[in-house]
């Protein structure tokens, strides 16, 4: 699992993170360049270690983007089901 905690500090010419992306990813699937690209687009990345963490973090932080990058297909399907439950939460 990739566990990320990213804090974005604004610098001259860089966008300020105004959106949150929850990341539930395996290390062999997730690339640091993907994280860099999302930060460039203004996302603050928050890593999730398990499905409960994904659900709680996405709900509490009102994530704009949920990223599921799992090597194990069964884990990916379970994560998608968890993410579907988020659509009814304001």
N, C-alpha and C. Protein backbone atom coordinates (compact mmCIF):
# COMPACT_ATOMS: atom_id res chain seq x y z
N UNK A 1 0.82 -1.19 0.00
CA UNK A 1 0.00 0.00 0.00
C UNK A 1 0.87 1.25 0.00
N UNK A 2 0.41 2.25 -0.65
CA UNK A 2 1.08 3.53 -0.64
C UNK A 2 0.31 4.41 0.33
N UNK A 3 0.97 4.89 1.36
CA UNK A 3 0.35 5.78 2.32
C UNK A 3 0.96 7.15 2.10
N UNK A 4 0.14 8.13 1.79
CA UNK A 4 0.64 9.47 1.52
C UNK A 4 0.00 10.49 2.43
N UNK A 5 0.78 11.37 2.88
CA UNK A 5 0.28 12.56 3.55
C UNK A 5 1.04 13.72 2.93
N UNK A 6 0.36 14.52 2.19
CA UNK A 6 1.00 15.61 1.47
C UNK A 6 0.48 16.94 1.98
N UNK A 7 1.39 17.81 2.29
CA UNK A 7 1.02 19.17 2.65
C UNK A 7 1.55 20.08 1.57
N UNK A 8 0.70 20.91 1.04
CA UNK A 8 1.10 21.78 -0.05
C UNK A 8 1.35 23.18 0.50
N UNK A 9 2.54 23.68 0.24
CA UNK A 9 2.88 25.05 0.61
C UNK A 9 2.97 25.86 -0.67
N UNK A 10 2.21 26.95 -0.76
CA UNK A 10 2.23 27.73 -2.00
C UNK A 10 3.59 28.37 -2.23
N UNK A 11 4.04 28.32 -3.47
CA UNK A 11 5.25 29.00 -3.86
C UNK A 11 4.90 29.90 -5.03
N UNK A 12 5.81 30.79 -5.35
CA UNK A 12 5.55 31.73 -6.44
C UNK A 12 5.25 30.98 -7.73
N UNK A 13 4.13 31.25 -8.33
CA UNK A 13 3.75 30.66 -9.60
C UNK A 13 3.11 29.29 -9.50
N UNK A 14 3.04 28.72 -8.31
CA UNK A 14 2.44 27.38 -8.15
C UNK A 14 1.00 27.52 -7.69
N UNK A 15 0.11 26.65 -8.18
CA UNK A 15 -1.29 26.71 -7.73
C UNK A 15 -1.41 26.28 -6.28
N UNK A 16 -2.36 26.86 -5.59
CA UNK A 16 -2.63 26.47 -4.20
C UNK A 16 -3.62 25.33 -4.22
N UNK A 17 -3.33 24.29 -3.44
CA UNK A 17 -4.22 23.13 -3.42
C UNK A 17 -5.57 23.52 -2.84
N UNK A 18 -6.60 23.37 -3.63
CA UNK A 18 -7.94 23.70 -3.16
C UNK A 18 -8.84 22.48 -3.23
N UNK A 19 -8.34 21.40 -3.83
CA UNK A 19 -9.13 20.20 -3.98
C UNK A 19 -8.40 19.03 -3.33
N UNK A 20 -9.16 18.06 -2.86
CA UNK A 20 -8.58 16.90 -2.19
C UNK A 20 -8.77 15.66 -3.04
N UNK A 21 -7.72 14.86 -3.12
CA UNK A 21 -7.77 13.57 -3.81
C UNK A 21 -7.38 12.49 -2.81
N UNK A 22 -8.26 11.52 -2.60
CA UNK A 22 -7.97 10.37 -1.74
C UNK A 22 -7.37 9.27 -2.61
N UNK A 23 -6.24 8.74 -2.17
CA UNK A 23 -5.53 7.74 -2.96
C UNK A 23 -5.46 6.43 -2.18
N UNK A 24 -6.01 5.37 -2.78
CA UNK A 24 -5.93 4.01 -2.24
C UNK A 24 -5.22 3.20 -3.30
N UNK A 25 -3.89 3.06 -3.16
CA UNK A 25 -3.10 2.48 -4.24
C UNK A 25 -2.03 1.53 -3.72
N UNK A 26 -1.74 0.52 -4.52
CA UNK A 26 -0.60 -0.35 -4.28
C UNK A 26 0.65 0.33 -4.80
N UNK A 27 1.75 0.10 -4.12
CA UNK A 27 3.02 0.74 -4.50
C UNK A 27 3.43 0.40 -5.94
N UNK A 28 3.21 -0.84 -6.38
CA UNK A 28 3.64 -1.21 -7.73
C UNK A 28 2.73 -0.64 -8.82
N UNK A 29 1.59 -0.13 -8.46
CA UNK A 29 0.66 0.45 -9.44
C UNK A 29 0.76 1.97 -9.47
N UNK A 30 0.98 2.59 -8.31
CA UNK A 30 1.00 4.05 -8.21
C UNK A 30 2.38 4.59 -8.52
N UNK A 31 2.43 5.61 -9.31
CA UNK A 31 3.68 6.27 -9.68
C UNK A 31 3.76 7.63 -9.00
N UNK A 32 4.94 7.97 -8.51
CA UNK A 32 5.09 9.29 -7.89
C UNK A 32 4.85 10.41 -8.89
N UNK A 33 5.08 10.14 -10.17
CA UNK A 33 4.83 11.18 -11.18
C UNK A 33 3.33 11.47 -11.31
N UNK A 34 2.48 10.47 -11.04
CA UNK A 34 1.03 10.73 -11.02
C UNK A 34 0.68 11.68 -9.88
N UNK A 35 1.29 11.45 -8.72
CA UNK A 35 1.06 12.35 -7.59
C UNK A 35 1.55 13.76 -7.88
N UNK A 36 2.72 13.85 -8.51
CA UNK A 36 3.26 15.16 -8.88
C UNK A 36 2.33 15.89 -9.86
N UNK A 37 1.78 15.14 -10.81
CA UNK A 37 0.88 15.75 -11.79
C UNK A 37 -0.40 16.26 -11.12
N UNK A 38 -0.94 15.48 -10.19
CA UNK A 38 -2.15 15.91 -9.48
C UNK A 38 -1.88 17.13 -8.61
N UNK A 39 -0.72 17.16 -7.97
CA UNK A 39 -0.37 18.34 -7.17
C UNK A 39 -0.22 19.57 -8.05
N UNK A 40 0.32 19.39 -9.24
CA UNK A 40 0.45 20.50 -10.19
C UNK A 40 -0.93 21.03 -10.58
N UNK A 41 -1.92 20.13 -10.62
CA UNK A 41 -3.28 20.54 -10.95
C UNK A 41 -4.03 21.14 -9.76
N UNK A 42 -3.37 21.18 -8.60
CA UNK A 42 -3.98 21.82 -7.44
C UNK A 42 -4.63 20.87 -6.46
N UNK A 43 -4.35 19.57 -6.56
CA UNK A 43 -4.92 18.60 -5.62
C UNK A 43 -3.99 18.40 -4.44
N UNK A 44 -4.58 18.26 -3.28
CA UNK A 44 -3.85 17.83 -2.10
C UNK A 44 -4.13 16.34 -1.95
N UNK A 45 -3.08 15.52 -1.96
CA UNK A 45 -3.24 14.07 -1.91
C UNK A 45 -3.29 13.57 -0.48
N UNK A 46 -4.24 12.69 -0.22
CA UNK A 46 -4.35 12.05 1.07
C UNK A 46 -4.40 10.55 0.85
N UNK A 47 -3.42 9.85 1.41
CA UNK A 47 -3.34 8.41 1.23
C UNK A 47 -4.26 7.67 2.19
N UNK A 48 -4.76 6.54 1.75
CA UNK A 48 -5.65 5.71 2.55
C UNK A 48 -5.04 4.31 2.63
N UNK A 49 -4.94 3.78 3.85
CA UNK A 49 -4.30 2.49 4.05
C UNK A 49 -5.22 1.30 3.88
N UNK A 50 -6.52 1.48 4.05
CA UNK A 50 -7.47 0.38 3.89
C UNK A 50 -8.82 0.94 3.47
N UNK A 51 -9.79 0.07 3.26
CA UNK A 51 -11.10 0.50 2.78
C UNK A 51 -11.82 1.40 3.77
N UNK A 52 -11.72 1.08 5.05
CA UNK A 52 -12.36 1.94 6.06
C UNK A 52 -11.76 3.33 6.04
N UNK A 53 -10.45 3.39 5.92
CA UNK A 53 -9.76 4.68 5.86
C UNK A 53 -10.17 5.46 4.62
N UNK A 54 -10.31 4.75 3.49
CA UNK A 54 -10.76 5.40 2.25
C UNK A 54 -12.13 6.03 2.43
N UNK A 55 -13.07 5.28 2.98
CA UNK A 55 -14.42 5.78 3.16
C UNK A 55 -14.45 6.97 4.12
N UNK A 56 -13.79 6.81 5.27
CA UNK A 56 -13.80 7.88 6.27
C UNK A 56 -13.11 9.14 5.77
N UNK A 57 -11.95 8.97 5.16
CA UNK A 57 -11.19 10.13 4.68
C UNK A 57 -11.94 10.86 3.57
N UNK A 58 -12.47 10.11 2.62
CA UNK A 58 -13.20 10.74 1.51
C UNK A 58 -14.43 11.47 2.01
N UNK A 59 -15.10 10.91 3.01
CA UNK A 59 -16.30 11.55 3.55
C UNK A 59 -15.95 12.78 4.37
N UNK A 60 -14.97 12.65 5.27
CA UNK A 60 -14.61 13.76 6.16
C UNK A 60 -14.00 14.93 5.40
N UNK A 61 -13.18 14.65 4.41
CA UNK A 61 -12.50 15.70 3.68
C UNK A 61 -13.27 16.14 2.44
N UNK A 62 -14.43 15.53 2.21
CA UNK A 62 -15.25 15.82 1.04
C UNK A 62 -14.38 15.82 -0.22
N UNK A 63 -13.77 14.66 -0.46
CA UNK A 63 -12.83 14.50 -1.57
C UNK A 63 -13.46 14.82 -2.91
N UNK A 64 -12.72 15.54 -3.72
CA UNK A 64 -13.15 15.86 -5.08
C UNK A 64 -12.81 14.73 -6.03
N UNK A 65 -11.84 13.91 -5.63
CA UNK A 65 -11.37 12.83 -6.49
C UNK A 65 -10.97 11.65 -5.62
N UNK A 66 -11.43 10.46 -5.96
CA UNK A 66 -11.04 9.23 -5.28
C UNK A 66 -10.30 8.38 -6.30
N UNK A 67 -9.05 8.03 -5.97
CA UNK A 67 -8.22 7.25 -6.88
C UNK A 67 -8.03 5.86 -6.28
N UNK A 68 -8.41 4.84 -7.06
CA UNK A 68 -8.26 3.45 -6.65
C UNK A 68 -7.33 2.79 -7.65
N UNK A 69 -6.12 2.47 -7.21
CA UNK A 69 -5.13 1.82 -8.08
C UNK A 69 -4.63 0.58 -7.36
N UNK A 70 -5.34 -0.50 -7.55
CA UNK A 70 -5.04 -1.76 -6.86
C UNK A 70 -4.62 -2.83 -7.85
N UNK A 71 -3.58 -3.56 -7.50
CA UNK A 71 -3.11 -4.67 -8.34
C UNK A 71 -4.05 -5.87 -8.22
N UNK A 72 -4.64 -6.04 -7.05
CA UNK A 72 -5.55 -7.15 -6.78
C UNK A 72 -6.96 -6.75 -7.25
N UNK A 73 -7.52 -7.46 -8.23
CA UNK A 73 -8.84 -7.09 -8.75
C UNK A 73 -9.94 -7.12 -7.69
N UNK A 74 -9.89 -8.08 -6.77
CA UNK A 74 -10.92 -8.16 -5.73
C UNK A 74 -10.87 -6.93 -4.83
N UNK A 75 -9.69 -6.47 -4.48
CA UNK A 75 -9.55 -5.27 -3.65
C UNK A 75 -10.06 -4.04 -4.39
N UNK A 76 -9.81 -3.99 -5.70
CA UNK A 76 -10.28 -2.85 -6.49
C UNK A 76 -11.80 -2.81 -6.55
N UNK A 77 -12.43 -3.99 -6.71
CA UNK A 77 -13.89 -4.05 -6.76
C UNK A 77 -14.48 -3.62 -5.42
N UNK A 78 -13.91 -4.10 -4.32
CA UNK A 78 -14.40 -3.70 -2.99
C UNK A 78 -14.25 -2.20 -2.80
N UNK A 79 -13.13 -1.65 -3.23
CA UNK A 79 -12.90 -0.21 -3.09
C UNK A 79 -13.91 0.58 -3.92
N UNK A 80 -14.23 0.09 -5.10
CA UNK A 80 -15.23 0.78 -5.93
C UNK A 80 -16.59 0.76 -5.26
N UNK A 81 -16.92 -0.34 -4.60
CA UNK A 81 -18.19 -0.41 -3.88
C UNK A 81 -18.21 0.57 -2.72
N UNK A 82 -17.09 0.72 -2.04
CA UNK A 82 -17.00 1.70 -0.95
C UNK A 82 -17.17 3.10 -1.52
N UNK A 83 -16.50 3.37 -2.63
CA UNK A 83 -16.58 4.71 -3.24
C UNK A 83 -17.99 5.00 -3.72
N UNK A 84 -18.73 4.00 -4.21
CA UNK A 84 -20.11 4.21 -4.63
C UNK A 84 -20.97 4.69 -3.48
N UNK A 85 -20.71 4.21 -2.27
CA UNK A 85 -21.46 4.62 -1.11
C UNK A 85 -21.24 6.10 -0.77
N UNK A 86 -20.20 6.68 -1.31
CA UNK A 86 -19.91 8.09 -1.03
C UNK A 86 -20.81 9.04 -1.81
N UNK A 87 -21.40 8.60 -2.89
CA UNK A 87 -22.16 9.52 -3.73
C UNK A 87 -23.41 10.06 -3.06
N UNK A 88 -23.90 9.39 -2.04
CA UNK A 88 -25.10 9.87 -1.35
C UNK A 88 -24.78 10.77 -0.16
N UNK A 89 -23.49 10.99 0.10
CA UNK A 89 -23.09 11.80 1.24
C UNK A 89 -22.85 13.23 0.77
N UNK A 90 -23.48 14.20 1.41
CA UNK A 90 -23.29 15.60 0.97
C UNK A 90 -21.88 16.09 1.22
